[in-house]
Amino acid sequence: MMIELILIANLYIIFHDIKNRKISNDVVLIIMFIGFFSIFVKGDISSLLSPLIILFVGFILFKFNIIAAGDIKYYAAMSLMIEQQYLLLVTCIILCLGGLQAYCQYSIYKLTGNERWIERGVPYGVAISIGSLFGILASI
């Protein structure tokens, strides 16, 4: 049941991130509660360290305008359900998928000349969803 809730929340985030370039704090909060419940069930409080590191590094990246605050909060919440041994791999997957998205958007812009493809930025919630879901499934 928990994985179904996470999947629904991720689909909602993907849709709204593509459409509005915003990640709902309410949905991130739901994911965070599910993550805390997951930690409680597993009894492994060492998983609380990962989101703190992600938030710290993310804050620095946000200050340099490299990534949006919503993306950082979202990944930190998702990381609660990913075992630490998979976090580096998941982060690499997210970075590669985000880079692929950016490349595709830029290529479409170059082909069409339509600046809408690049002016709003990359909906990084898509890459975070896919990469994190991979990590969650690997952690089960």
C-alpha atoms as a PDB file:
ATOM      1  CA  MET A   1       0.000   0.000   0.000  1.00  0.00           C
ATOM      2  CA  MET A   2       2.844   2.374   0.805  1.00  0.00           C
ATOM      3  CA  ILE A   3       4.493   2.007  -2.602  1.00  0.00           C
ATOM      4  CA  GLU A   4       1.161   2.767  -4.303  1.00  0.00           C
ATOM      5  CA  LEU A   5       0.866   6.042  -2.363  1.00  0.00           C
ATOM      6  CA  ILE A   6       4.413   6.970  -3.301  1.00  0.00           C
ATOM      7  CA  LEU A   7       3.726   6.158  -6.953  1.00  0.00           C
ATOM      8  CA  ILE A   8       0.547   8.288  -7.004  1.00  0.00           C
ATOM      9  CA  ALA A   9       2.347  11.174  -5.292  1.00  0.00           C
ATOM     10  CA  ASN A  10       5.202  10.924  -7.803  1.00  0.00           C
ATOM     11  CA  LEU A  11       2.845  10.931 -10.778  1.00  0.00           C
ATOM     12  CA  TYR A  12       1.136  14.020  -9.352  1.00  0.00           C
ATOM     13  CA  ILE A  13       4.499  15.748  -8.889  1.00  0.00           C
ATOM     14  CA  ILE A  14       5.674  14.851 -12.402  1.00  0.00           C
ATOM     15  CA  PHE A  15       2.485  16.206 -13.952  1.00  0.00           C
ATOM     16  CA  HIS A  16       2.549  19.468 -12.011  1.00  0.00           C
ATOM     17  CA  ASP A  17       6.285  19.995 -12.391  1.00  0.00           C
ATOM     18  CA  ILE A  18       6.018  19.678 -16.166  1.00  0.00           C
ATOM     19  CA  LYS A  19       2.929  21.881 -16.292  1.00  0.00           C
ATOM     20  CA  ASN A  20       3.759  24.561 -13.685  1.00  0.00           C
ATOM     21  CA  ARG A  21       7.435  24.016 -12.776  1.00  0.00           C
ATOM     22  CA  LYS A  22       6.359  23.735  -9.133  1.00  0.00           C
ATOM     23  CA  ILE A  23       6.507  20.899  -6.646  1.00  0.00           C
ATOM     24  CA  SER A  24       3.725  21.005  -4.071  1.00  0.00           C
ATOM     25  CA  ASN A  25       4.922  21.312  -0.479  1.00  0.00           C
ATOM     26  CA  ASP A  26       1.807  19.402   0.614  1.00  0.00           C
ATOM     27  CA  VAL A  27       2.723  16.389  -1.508  1.00  0.00           C
ATOM     28  CA  VAL A  28       6.349  16.551  -0.323  1.00  0.00           C
ATOM     29  CA  LEU A  29       5.039  16.588   3.246  1.00  0.00           C
ATOM     30  CA  ILE A  30       2.967  13.455   2.567  1.00  0.00           C
ATOM     31  CA  ILE A  31       6.030  11.744   1.087  1.00  0.00           C
ATOM     32  CA  MET A  32       8.069  12.816   4.111  1.00  0.00           C
ATOM     33  CA  PHE A  33       5.531  11.279   6.514  1.00  0.00           C
ATOM     34  CA  ILE A  34       5.552   8.044   4.520  1.00  0.00           C
ATOM     35  CA  GLY A  35       9.354   8.123   4.667  1.00  0.00           C
ATOM     36  CA  PHE A  36       9.357   8.600   8.438  1.00  0.00           C
ATOM     37  CA  PHE A  37       6.864   5.749   8.765  1.00  0.00           C
ATOM     38  CA  SER A  38       9.163   3.596   6.620  1.00  0.00           C
ATOM     39  CA  ILE A  39      12.107   4.396   8.903  1.00  0.00           C
ATOM     40  CA  PHE A  40       9.986   3.614  11.968  1.00  0.00           C
ATOM     41  CA  VAL A  41       8.961   0.232  10.518  1.00  0.00           C
ATOM     42  CA  LYS A  42      12.546  -0.668   9.560  1.00  0.00           C
ATOM     43  CA  GLY A  43      13.927   0.653  12.836  1.00  0.00           C
ATOM     44  CA  ASP A  44      16.936   2.164  11.055  1.00  0.00           C
ATOM     45  CA  ILE A  45      17.343   5.769  12.180  1.00  0.00           C
ATOM     46  CA  SER A  46      20.646   6.096  10.303  1.00  0.00           C
ATOM     47  CA  SER A  47      18.465   6.833   7.257  1.00  0.00           C
ATOM     48  CA  LEU A  48      17.774  10.261   8.775  1.00  0.00           C
ATOM     49  CA  LEU A  49      21.311  11.363   7.901  1.00  0.00           C
ATOM     50  CA  SER A  50      20.781  11.242   4.124  1.00  0.00           C
ATOM     51  CA  PRO A  51      18.060  13.910   3.903  1.00  0.00           C
ATOM     52  CA  LEU A  52      20.102  16.222   6.125  1.00  0.00           C
ATOM     53  CA  ILE A  53      23.095  15.945   3.799  1.00  0.00           C
ATOM     54  CA  ILE A  54      20.860  16.441   0.752  1.00  0.00           C
ATOM     55  CA  LEU A  55      19.289  19.540   2.314  1.00  0.00           C
ATOM     56  CA  PHE A  56      22.704  20.975   3.224  1.00  0.00           C
ATOM     57  CA  VAL A  57      24.263  20.412  -0.205  1.00  0.00           C
ATOM     58  CA  GLY A  58      21.009  21.436  -1.870  1.00  0.00           C
ATOM     59  CA  PHE A  59      20.928  24.713   0.052  1.00  0.00           C
ATOM     60  CA  ILE A  60      24.376  25.562  -1.303  1.00  0.00           C
ATOM     61  CA  LEU A  61      23.321  24.642  -4.857  1.00  0.00           C
ATOM     62  CA  PHE A  62      20.148  26.702  -4.427  1.00  0.00           C
ATOM     63  CA  LYS A  63      22.177  29.729  -3.313  1.00  0.00           C
ATOM     64  CA  PHE A  64      24.155  29.495  -6.575  1.00  0.00           C
ATOM     65  CA  ASN A  65      20.880  29.165  -8.524  1.00  0.00           C
ATOM     66  CA  ILE A  66      21.795  25.686  -9.745  1.00  0.00           C
ATOM     67  CA  ILE A  67      18.688  23.851  -8.516  1.00  0.00           C
ATOM     68  CA  ALA A  68      15.298  24.891  -7.162  1.00  0.00           C
ATOM     69  CA  ALA A  69      14.365  24.606  -3.494  1.00  0.00           C
ATOM     70  CA  GLY A  70      11.342  22.403  -4.258  1.00  0.00           C
ATOM     71  CA  ASP A  71      13.549  19.864  -6.005  1.00  0.00           C
ATOM     72  CA  ILE A  72      15.829  19.681  -2.982  1.00  0.00           C
ATOM     73  CA  LYS A  73      12.962  19.224  -0.521  1.00  0.00           C
ATOM     74  CA  TYR A  74      11.447  16.579  -2.771  1.00  0.00           C
ATOM     75  CA  TYR A  75      14.672  14.567  -3.092  1.00  0.00           C
ATOM     76  CA  ALA A  76      15.325  14.844   0.647  1.00  0.00           C
ATOM     77  CA  ALA A  77      11.846  13.441   1.378  1.00  0.00           C
ATOM     78  CA  MET A  78      12.276  10.618  -1.140  1.00  0.00           C
ATOM     79  CA  SER A  79      15.714   9.766   0.258  1.00  0.00           C
ATOM     80  CA  LEU A  80      14.101   8.725   3.537  1.00  0.00           C
ATOM     81  CA  MET A  81      12.967   5.530   1.807  1.00  0.00           C
ATOM     82  CA  ILE A  82      16.205   4.795  -0.057  1.00  0.00           C
ATOM     83  CA  GLU A  83      18.878   2.701   1.643  1.00  0.00           C
ATOM     84  CA  GLN A  84      22.142   4.581   1.976  1.00  0.00           C
ATOM     85  CA  GLN A  85      24.026   2.070  -0.159  1.00  0.00           C
ATOM     86  CA  TYR A  86      21.917   3.127  -3.168  1.00  0.00           C
ATOM     87  CA  LEU A  87      21.934   6.910  -2.668  1.00  0.00           C
ATOM     88  CA  LEU A  88      25.032   7.645  -4.751  1.00  0.00           C
ATOM     89  CA  LEU A  89      23.690   5.516  -7.612  1.00  0.00           C
ATOM     90  CA  VAL A  90      20.272   7.192  -7.352  1.00  0.00           C
ATOM     91  CA  THR A  91      21.893  10.635  -7.362  1.00  0.00           C
ATOM     92  CA  CYS A  92      23.868   9.712 -10.491  1.00  0.00           C
ATOM     93  CA  ILE A  93      20.697   8.444 -12.180  1.00  0.00           C
ATOM     94  CA  ILE A  94      18.889  11.686 -11.309  1.00  0.00           C
ATOM     95  CA  LEU A  95      21.762  13.805 -12.643  1.00  0.00           C
ATOM     96  CA  CYS A  96      21.935  11.799 -15.886  1.00  0.00           C
ATOM     97  CA  LEU A  97      18.179  11.916 -16.434  1.00  0.00           C
ATOM     98  CA  GLY A  98      18.074  15.650 -15.687  1.00  0.00           C
ATOM     99  CA  GLY A  99      20.941  16.219 -18.110  1.00  0.00           C
ATOM    100  CA  LEU A 100      19.132  14.163 -20.751  1.00  0.00           C
ATOM    101  CA  GLN A 101      15.990  16.232 -20.204  1.00  0.00           C
ATOM    102  CA  ALA A 102      17.973  19.464 -20.560  1.00  0.00           C
ATOM    103  CA  TYR A 103      19.670  18.187 -23.733  1.00  0.00           C
ATOM    104  CA  CYS A 104      16.321  17.160 -25.258  1.00  0.00           C
ATOM    105  CA  GLN A 105      14.727  20.493 -24.412  1.00  0.00           C
ATOM    106  CA  TYR A 106      17.679  22.383 -25.873  1.00  0.00           C
ATOM    107  CA  SER A 107      17.653  20.219 -29.013  1.00  0.00           C
ATOM    108  CA  ILE A 108      13.946  20.853 -29.545  1.00  0.00           C
ATOM    109  CA  TYR A 109      14.556  24.573 -29.070  1.00  0.00           C
ATOM    110  CA  LYS A 110      17.334  24.510 -31.676  1.00  0.00           C
ATOM    111  CA  LEU A 111      15.138  22.573 -34.127  1.00  0.00           C
ATOM    112  CA  THR A 112      12.031  24.700 -33.675  1.00  0.00           C
ATOM    113  CA  GLY A 113      13.414  28.070 -32.606  1.00  0.00           C
ATOM    114  CA  ASN A 114      10.643  28.156 -29.981  1.00  0.00           C
ATOM    115  CA  GLU A 115      12.146  29.650 -26.809  1.00  0.00           C
ATOM    116  CA  ARG A 116       9.398  28.178 -24.606  1.00  0.00           C
ATOM    117  CA  TRP A 117      11.453  24.976 -24.527  1.00  0.00           C
ATOM    118  CA  ILE A 118      14.291  26.618 -22.605  1.00  0.00           C
ATOM    119  CA  GLU A 119      12.919  29.735 -20.916  1.00  0.00           C
ATOM    120  CA  ARG A 120      11.118  27.898 -18.092  1.00  0.00           C
ATOM    121  CA  GLY A 121      13.971  25.555 -17.191  1.00  0.00           C
ATOM    122  CA  VAL A 122      14.062  21.816 -16.731  1.00  0.00           C
ATOM    123  CA  PRO A 123      11.279  20.118 -14.730  1.00  0.00           C
ATOM    124  CA  TYR A 124      13.771  18.262 -12.543  1.00  0.00           C
ATOM    125  CA  GLY A 125      10.979  16.616 -10.558  1.00  0.00           C
ATOM    126  CA  VAL A 126      10.684  14.102 -13.406  1.00  0.00           C
ATOM    127  CA  ALA A 127      14.290  12.951 -13.010  1.00  0.00           C
ATOM    128  CA  ILE A 128      14.016  12.957  -9.208  1.00  0.00           C
ATOM    129  CA  SER A 129      10.847  10.827  -9.371  1.00  0.00           C
ATOM    130  CA  ILE A 130      12.261   8.225 -11.721  1.00  0.00           C
ATOM    131  CA  GLY A 131      15.640   7.967 -10.003  1.00  0.00           C
ATOM    132  CA  SER A 132      14.164   7.891  -6.506  1.00  0.00           C
ATOM    133  CA  LEU A 133      11.555   5.280  -7.394  1.00  0.00           C
ATOM    134  CA  PHE A 134      14.382   3.127  -8.722  1.00  0.00           C
ATOM    135  CA  GLY A 135      16.196   3.559  -5.394  1.00  0.00           C
ATOM    136  CA  ILE A 136      13.083   2.799  -3.353  1.00  0.00           C
ATOM    137  CA  LEU A 137      12.404  -0.373  -5.325  1.00  0.00           C
ATOM    138  CA  ALA A 138      16.039  -1.436  -4.911  1.00  0.00           C
ATOM    139  CA  SER A 139      15.710  -0.833  -1.169  1.00  0.00           C
ATOM    140  CA  ILE A 140      12.682  -3.104  -0.741  1.00  0.00           C
END
